[in-house]
């Protein structure tokens, strides 16, 4: 098991680092971001949006599967 873990660690180290890290760090340095999050709850909006996208994706996946097996027209 340790060999597998080392192999995947080696593979992940070959990949480049995220090009968005500098932008993410700069967003954290915006003044008054905490106050803005108090009025506009960004984390909750992101969670709701992710749940909505997952529900829509699941609907389309089921629709494609049912059409593939010809259960619906």
PDB file of N, CA and C in Angstrom:
ATOM      1  N   UNK A   1       0.832  -1.200   0.000  1.00  0.00           N
ATOM      2  CA  UNK A   1       0.000   0.000   0.000  1.00  0.00           C
ATOM      3  C   UNK A   1       0.872   1.257   0.000  1.00  0.00           C
ATOM      4  N   UNK A   2       1.967   1.215   0.685  1.00  0.00           N
ATOM      5  CA  UNK A   2       2.869   2.362   0.739  1.00  0.00           C
ATOM      6  C   UNK A   2       3.474   2.659  -0.635  1.00  0.00           C
ATOM      7  N   UNK A   3       3.720   1.620  -1.406  1.00  0.00           N
ATOM      8  CA  UNK A   3       4.280   1.804  -2.752  1.00  0.00           C
ATOM      9  C   UNK A   3       3.274   2.536  -3.640  1.00  0.00           C
ATOM     10  N   UNK A   4       2.009   2.171  -3.532  1.00  0.00           N
ATOM     11  CA  UNK A   4       0.958   2.827  -4.320  1.00  0.00           C
ATOM     12  C   UNK A   4       0.858   4.297  -3.926  1.00  0.00           C
ATOM     13  N   UNK A   5       0.913   4.564  -2.631  1.00  0.00           N
ATOM     14  CA  UNK A   5       0.837   5.938  -2.148  1.00  0.00           C
ATOM     15  C   UNK A   5       2.019   6.754  -2.659  1.00  0.00           C
ATOM     16  N   UNK A   6       3.201   6.191  -2.631  1.00  0.00           N
ATOM     17  CA  UNK A   6       4.391   6.882  -3.124  1.00  0.00           C
ATOM     18  C   UNK A   6       4.294   7.127  -4.632  1.00  0.00           C
ATOM     19  N   UNK A   7       3.750   6.153  -5.363  1.00  0.00           N
ATOM     20  CA  UNK A   7       3.602   6.306  -6.798  1.00  0.00           C
ATOM     21  C   UNK A   7       2.667   7.465  -7.124  1.00  0.00           C
ATOM     22  N   UNK A   8       1.510   7.533  -6.455  1.00  0.00           N
ATOM     23  CA  UNK A   8       0.563   8.615  -6.717  1.00  0.00           C
ATOM     24  C   UNK A   8       1.113   9.961  -6.276  1.00  0.00           C
ATOM     25  N   UNK A   9       1.887   9.984  -5.220  1.00  0.00           N
ATOM     26  CA  UNK A   9       2.533  11.221  -4.801  1.00  0.00           C
ATOM     27  C   UNK A   9       3.527  11.673  -5.853  1.00  0.00           C
ATOM     28  N   UNK A  10       4.262  10.750  -6.419  1.00  0.00           N
ATOM     29  CA  UNK A  10       5.218  11.064  -7.471  1.00  0.00           C
ATOM     30  C   UNK A  10       4.505  11.603  -8.705  1.00  0.00           C
ATOM     31  N   UNK A  11       3.390  10.971  -9.081  1.00  0.00           N
ATOM     32  CA  UNK A  11       2.621  11.422 -10.244  1.00  0.00           C
ATOM     33  C   UNK A  11       2.066  12.822 -10.005  1.00  0.00           C
ATOM     34  N   UNK A  12       1.544  13.088  -8.816  1.00  0.00           N
ATOM     35  CA  UNK A  12       1.003  14.411  -8.511  1.00  0.00           C
ATOM     36  C   UNK A  12       2.090  15.477  -8.495  1.00  0.00           C
ATOM     37  N   UNK A  13       3.290  15.113  -8.098  1.00  0.00           N
ATOM     38  CA  UNK A  13       4.396  16.071  -8.099  1.00  0.00           C
ATOM     39  C   UNK A  13       4.847  16.417  -9.511  1.00  0.00           C
ATOM     40  N   UNK A  14       4.544  15.579 -10.482  1.00  0.00           N
ATOM     41  CA  UNK A  14       4.884  15.877 -11.871  1.00  0.00           C
ATOM     42  C   UNK A  14       3.982  16.961 -12.455  1.00  0.00           C
ATOM     43  N   UNK A  15       2.765  17.052 -11.939  1.00  0.00           N
ATOM     44  CA  UNK A  15       1.810  18.025 -12.458  1.00  0.00           C
ATOM     45  C   UNK A  15       2.204  19.439 -12.046  1.00  0.00           C
ATOM     46  N   UNK A  16       1.902  20.424 -12.891  1.00  0.00           N
ATOM     47  CA  UNK A  16       2.230  21.812 -12.527  1.00  0.00           C
ATOM     48  C   UNK A  16       1.331  22.312 -11.405  1.00  0.00           C
ATOM     49  N   UNK A  17       1.810  23.304 -10.708  1.00  0.00           N
ATOM     50  CA  UNK A  17       1.009  23.929  -9.653  1.00  0.00           C
ATOM     51  C   UNK A  17      -0.119  24.728 -10.281  1.00  0.00           C
ATOM     52  N   UNK A  18      -1.120  25.038  -9.499  1.00  0.00           N
ATOM     53  CA  UNK A  18      -2.289  25.757  -9.994  1.00  0.00           C
ATOM     54  C   UNK A  18      -1.901  27.174 -10.435  1.00  0.00           C
ATOM     55  N   UNK A  19      -2.330  27.587 -11.630  1.00  0.00           N
ATOM     56  CA  UNK A  19      -2.021  28.949 -12.071  1.00  0.00           C
ATOM     57  C   UNK A  19      -2.894  30.002 -11.390  1.00  0.00           C
ATOM     58  N   UNK A  20      -3.885  29.575 -10.616  1.00  0.00           N
ATOM     59  CA  UNK A  20      -4.814  30.502  -9.993  1.00  0.00           C
ATOM     60  C   UNK A  20      -4.434  30.849  -8.554  1.00  0.00           C
ATOM     61  N   UNK A  21      -3.343  30.300  -8.036  1.00  0.00           N
ATOM     62  CA  UNK A  21      -2.979  30.543  -6.631  1.00  0.00           C
ATOM     63  C   UNK A  21      -2.726  32.011  -6.347  1.00  0.00           C
ATOM     64  N   UNK A  22      -2.099  32.728  -7.269  1.00  0.00           N
ATOM     65  CA  UNK A  22      -1.844  34.153  -7.018  1.00  0.00           C
ATOM     66  C   UNK A  22      -3.138  34.938  -6.958  1.00  0.00           C
ATOM     67  N   UNK A  23      -4.118  34.575  -7.792  1.00  0.00           N
ATOM     68  CA  UNK A  23      -5.397  35.277  -7.779  1.00  0.00           C
ATOM     69  C   UNK A  23      -6.174  34.971  -6.509  1.00  0.00           C
ATOM     70  N   UNK A  24      -6.117  33.732  -6.062  1.00  0.00           N
ATOM     71  CA  UNK A  24      -6.824  33.348  -4.841  1.00  0.00           C
ATOM     72  C   UNK A  24      -6.231  34.075  -3.641  1.00  0.00           C
ATOM     73  N   UNK A  25      -4.913  34.174  -3.594  1.00  0.00           N
ATOM     74  CA  UNK A  25      -4.266  34.893  -2.488  1.00  0.00           C
ATOM     75  C   UNK A  25      -4.609  36.373  -2.526  1.00  0.00           C
ATOM     76  N   UNK A  26      -4.696  36.962  -3.719  1.00  0.00           N
ATOM     77  CA  UNK A  26      -5.006  38.391  -3.810  1.00  0.00           C
ATOM     78  C   UNK A  26      -6.446  38.682  -3.402  1.00  0.00           C
ATOM     79  N   UNK A  27      -7.359  37.745  -3.628  1.00  0.00           N
ATOM     80  CA  UNK A  27      -8.748  37.942  -3.204  1.00  0.00           C
ATOM     81  C   UNK A  27      -8.835  37.980  -1.682  1.00  0.00           C
ATOM     82  N   UNK A  28      -8.026  37.173  -1.012  1.00  0.00           N
ATOM     83  CA  UNK A  28      -8.041  37.158   0.448  1.00  0.00           C
ATOM     84  C   UNK A  28      -7.547  38.447   1.062  1.00  0.00           C
ATOM     85  N   UNK A  29      -6.820  39.253   0.296  1.00  0.00           N
ATOM     86  CA  UNK A  29      -6.268  40.512   0.812  1.00  0.00           C
ATOM     87  C   UNK A  29      -7.164  41.715   0.542  1.00  0.00           C
ATOM     88  N   UNK A  30      -8.345  41.496  -0.015  1.00  0.00           N
ATOM     89  CA  UNK A  30      -9.261  42.606  -0.300  1.00  0.00           C
ATOM     90  C   UNK A  30      -9.798  43.157   1.021  1.00  0.00           C
ATOM     91  N   UNK A  31      -9.668  44.485   1.221  1.00  0.00           N
ATOM     92  CA  UNK A  31     -10.200  45.051   2.470  1.00  0.00           C
ATOM     93  C   UNK A  31     -11.726  44.981   2.493  1.00  0.00           C
ATOM     94  N   UNK A  32     -12.274  44.842   3.647  1.00  0.00           N
ATOM     95  CA  UNK A  32     -13.713  44.785   3.888  1.00  0.00           C
ATOM     96  C   UNK A  32     -14.388  43.571   3.257  1.00  0.00           C
ATOM     97  N   UNK A  33     -13.631  42.524   2.963  1.00  0.00           N
ATOM     98  CA  UNK A  33     -14.236  41.318   2.393  1.00  0.00           C
ATOM     99  C   UNK A  33     -15.124  40.618   3.416  1.00  0.00           C
ATOM    100  N   UNK A  34     -14.719  40.624   4.670  1.00  0.00           N
ATOM    101  CA  UNK A  34     -15.534  39.990   5.715  1.00  0.00           C
ATOM    102  C   UNK A  34     -16.874  40.700   5.869  1.00  0.00           C
ATOM    103  N   UNK A  35     -16.874  42.024   5.788  1.00  0.00           N
ATOM    104  CA  UNK A  35     -18.128  42.767   5.897  1.00  0.00           C
ATOM    105  C   UNK A  35     -19.024  42.495   4.693  1.00  0.00           C
ATOM    106  N   UNK A  36     -18.438  42.380   3.516  1.00  0.00           N
ATOM    107  CA  UNK A  36     -19.216  42.061   2.328  1.00  0.00           C
ATOM    108  C   UNK A  36     -19.834  40.672   2.446  1.00  0.00           C
ATOM    109  N   UNK A  37     -19.090  39.729   2.992  1.00  0.00           N
ATOM    110  CA  UNK A  37     -19.621  38.382   3.183  1.00  0.00           C
ATOM    111  C   UNK A  37     -20.744  38.359   4.216  1.00  0.00           C
ATOM    112  N   UNK A  38     -20.780  39.334   5.107  1.00  0.00           N
ATOM    113  CA  UNK A  38     -21.857  39.384   6.081  1.00  0.00           C
ATOM    114  C   UNK A  38     -23.162  39.773   5.394  1.00  0.00           C
ATOM    115  N   UNK A  39     -23.100  40.700   4.435  1.00  0.00           N
ATOM    116  CA  UNK A  39     -24.299  41.130   3.709  1.00  0.00           C
ATOM    117  C   UNK A  39     -24.653  40.178   2.566  1.00  0.00           C
ATOM    118  N   UNK A  40     -23.659  39.628   1.930  1.00  0.00           N
ATOM    119  CA  UNK A  40     -23.857  38.725   0.796  1.00  0.00           C
ATOM    120  C   UNK A  40     -23.134  37.416   1.119  1.00  0.00           C
ATOM    121  N   UNK A  41     -23.859  36.427   1.635  1.00  0.00           N
ATOM    122  CA  UNK A  41     -23.205  35.198   2.106  1.00  0.00           C
ATOM    123  C   UNK A  41     -22.694  34.340   0.939  1.00  0.00           C
ATOM    124  N   UNK A  42     -21.486  34.653   0.492  1.00  0.00           N
ATOM    125  CA  UNK A  42     -20.903  33.987  -0.671  1.00  0.00           C
ATOM    126  C   UNK A  42     -20.764  32.480  -0.462  1.00  0.00           C
ATOM    127  N   UNK A  43     -20.251  31.996   0.674  1.00  0.00           N
ATOM    128  CA  UNK A  43     -20.127  30.532   0.824  1.00  0.00           C
ATOM    129  C   UNK A  43     -21.462  29.798   0.709  1.00  0.00           C
ATOM    130  N   UNK A  44     -22.513  30.383   1.279  1.00  0.00           N
ATOM    131  CA  UNK A  44     -23.825  29.749   1.182  1.00  0.00           C
ATOM    132  C   UNK A  44     -24.350  29.789  -0.257  1.00  0.00           C
ATOM    133  N   UNK A  45     -24.116  30.893  -0.962  1.00  0.00           N
ATOM    134  CA  UNK A  45     -24.534  30.981  -2.359  1.00  0.00           C
ATOM    135  C   UNK A  45     -23.806  29.955  -3.219  1.00  0.00           C
ATOM    136  N   UNK A  46     -22.524  29.772  -2.954  1.00  0.00           N
ATOM    137  CA  UNK A  46     -21.763  28.764  -3.700  1.00  0.00           C
ATOM    138  C   UNK A  46     -22.271  27.360  -3.407  1.00  0.00           C
ATOM    139  N   UNK A  47     -22.597  27.079  -2.160  1.00  0.00           N
ATOM    140  CA  UNK A  47     -23.115  25.752  -1.809  1.00  0.00           C
ATOM    141  C   UNK A  47     -24.468  25.501  -2.473  1.00  0.00           C
ATOM    142  N   UNK A  48     -25.335  26.495  -2.465  1.00  0.00           N
ATOM    143  CA  UNK A  48     -26.645  26.356  -3.107  1.00  0.00           C
ATOM    144  C   UNK A  48     -26.471  26.186  -4.614  1.00  0.00           C
ATOM    145  N   UNK A  49     -25.585  26.951  -5.214  1.00  0.00           N
ATOM    146  CA  UNK A  49     -25.333  26.828  -6.647  1.00  0.00           C
ATOM    147  C   UNK A  49     -24.770  25.468  -7.018  1.00  0.00           C
ATOM    148  N   UNK A  50     -23.869  24.950  -6.187  1.00  0.00           N
ATOM    149  CA  UNK A  50     -23.306  23.620  -6.453  1.00  0.00           C
ATOM    150  C   UNK A  50     -24.378  22.541  -6.334  1.00  0.00           C
ATOM    151  N   UNK A  51     -25.249  22.663  -5.347  1.00  0.00           N
ATOM    152  CA  UNK A  51     -26.334  21.681  -5.195  1.00  0.00           C
ATOM    153  C   UNK A  51     -27.290  21.758  -6.382  1.00  0.00           C
ATOM    154  N   UNK A  52     -27.586  22.968  -6.849  1.00  0.00           N
ATOM    155  CA  UNK A  52     -28.459  23.139  -7.998  1.00  0.00           C
ATOM    156  C   UNK A  52     -27.841  22.519  -9.251  1.00  0.00           C
ATOM    157  N   UNK A  53     -26.548  22.776  -9.472  1.00  0.00           N
ATOM    158  CA  UNK A  53     -25.874  22.194 -10.632  1.00  0.00           C
ATOM    159  C   UNK A  53     -25.837  20.671 -10.549  1.00  0.00           C
ATOM    160  N   UNK A  54     -25.631  20.140  -9.356  1.00  0.00           N
ATOM    161  CA  UNK A  54     -25.623  18.681  -9.201  1.00  0.00           C
ATOM    162  C   UNK A  54     -26.991  18.098  -9.512  1.00  0.00           C
ATOM    163  N   UNK A  55     -28.047  18.768  -9.087  1.00  0.00           N
ATOM    164  CA  UNK A  55     -29.405  18.277  -9.369  1.00  0.00           C
ATOM    165  C   UNK A  55     -29.701  18.314 -10.861  1.00  0.00           C
ATOM    166  N   UNK A  56     -29.326  19.386 -11.536  1.00  0.00           N
ATOM    167  CA  UNK A  56     -29.542  19.494 -12.977  1.00  0.00           C
ATOM    168  C   UNK A  56     -28.716  18.442 -13.718  1.00  0.00           C
ATOM    169  N   UNK A  57     -27.471  18.260 -13.330  1.00  0.00           N
ATOM    170  CA  UNK A  57     -26.617  17.254 -13.976  1.00  0.00           C
ATOM    171  C   UNK A  57     -27.177  15.853 -13.771  1.00  0.00           C
ATOM    172  N   UNK A  58     -27.685  15.575 -12.588  1.00  0.00           N
ATOM    173  CA  UNK A  58     -28.269  14.262 -12.310  1.00  0.00           C
ATOM    174  C   UNK A  58     -29.529  14.039 -13.151  1.00  0.00           C
ATOM    175  N   UNK A  59     -30.338  15.083 -13.305  1.00  0.00           N
ATOM    176  CA  UNK A  59     -31.534  14.974 -14.142  1.00  0.00           C
ATOM    177  C   UNK A  59     -31.150  14.635 -15.582  1.00  0.00           C
ATOM    178  N   UNK A  60     -30.190  15.360 -16.130  1.00  0.00           N
ATOM    179  CA  UNK A  60     -29.783  15.094 -17.508  1.00  0.00           C
ATOM    180  C   UNK A  60     -29.132  13.726 -17.648  1.00  0.00           C
ATOM    181  N   UNK A  61     -28.383  13.294 -16.652  1.00  0.00           N
ATOM    182  CA  UNK A  61     -27.772  11.964 -16.694  1.00  0.00           C
ATOM    183  C   UNK A  61     -28.844  10.884 -16.718  1.00  0.00           C
ATOM    184  N   UNK A  62     -29.841  10.998 -15.846  1.00  0.00           N
ATOM    185  CA  UNK A  62     -30.938  10.025 -15.846  1.00  0.00           C
ATOM    186  C   UNK A  62     -31.710  10.067 -17.170  1.00  0.00           C
ATOM    187  N   UNK A  63     -31.923  11.261 -17.707  1.00  0.00           N
ATOM    188  CA  UNK A  63     -32.632  11.390 -18.969  1.00  0.00           C
ATOM    189  C   UNK A  63     -31.869  10.700 -20.102  1.00  0.00           C
ATOM    190  N   UNK A  64     -30.572  10.886 -20.138  1.00  0.00           N
ATOM    191  CA  UNK A  64     -29.750  10.248 -21.171  1.00  0.00           C
ATOM    192  C   UNK A  64     -29.769   8.741 -21.018  1.00  0.00           C
ATOM    193  N   UNK A  65     -29.661   8.259 -19.795  1.00  0.00           N
ATOM    194  CA  UNK A  65     -29.673   6.805 -19.556  1.00  0.00           C
ATOM    195  C   UNK A  65     -31.015   6.215 -19.956  1.00  0.00           C
ATOM    196  N   UNK A  66     -32.115   6.877 -19.574  1.00  0.00           N
ATOM    197  CA  UNK A  66     -33.437   6.359 -19.922  1.00  0.00           C
ATOM    198  C   UNK A  66     -33.684   6.400 -21.431  1.00  0.00           C
ATOM    199  N   UNK A  67     -33.175   7.415 -22.102  1.00  0.00           N
ATOM    200  CA  UNK A  67     -33.310   7.448 -23.561  1.00  0.00           C
ATOM    201  C   UNK A  67     -32.450   6.368 -24.196  1.00  0.00           C
ATOM    202  N   UNK A  68     -31.308   6.113 -23.614  1.00  0.00           N
ATOM    203  CA  UNK A  68     -30.412   5.095 -24.155  1.00  0.00           C
ATOM    204  C   UNK A  68     -31.039   3.704 -24.070  1.00  0.00           C
ATOM    205  N   UNK A  69     -31.731   3.433 -22.967  1.00  0.00           N
ATOM    206  CA  UNK A  69     -32.387   2.139 -22.836  1.00  0.00           C
ATOM    207  C   UNK A  69     -33.812   2.179 -23.394  1.00  0.00           C
ATOM    208  N   UNK A  70     -34.164   3.292 -23.987  1.00  0.00           N
ATOM    209  CA  UNK A  70     -35.460   3.506 -24.658  1.00  0.00           C
ATOM    210  C   UNK A  70     -36.641   3.348 -23.718  1.00  0.00           C
ATOM    211  N   UNK A  71     -36.483   3.835 -22.490  1.00  0.00           N
ATOM    212  CA  UNK A  71     -37.581   3.809 -21.546  1.00  0.00           C
ATOM    213  C   UNK A  71     -38.502   5.015 -21.758  1.00  0.00           C
ATOM    214  N   UNK A  72     -37.913   6.108 -22.265  1.00  0.00           N
ATOM    215  CA  UNK A  72     -38.702   7.300 -22.568  1.00  0.00           C
ATOM    216  C   UNK A  72     -38.369   7.747 -23.979  1.00  0.00           C
ATOM    217  N   UNK A  73     -39.235   8.567 -24.558  1.00  0.00           N
ATOM    218  CA  UNK A  73     -39.012   9.035 -25.929  1.00  0.00           C
ATOM    219  C   UNK A  73     -38.326  10.361 -25.927  1.00  0.00           C
TER     220      UNK A  73
END
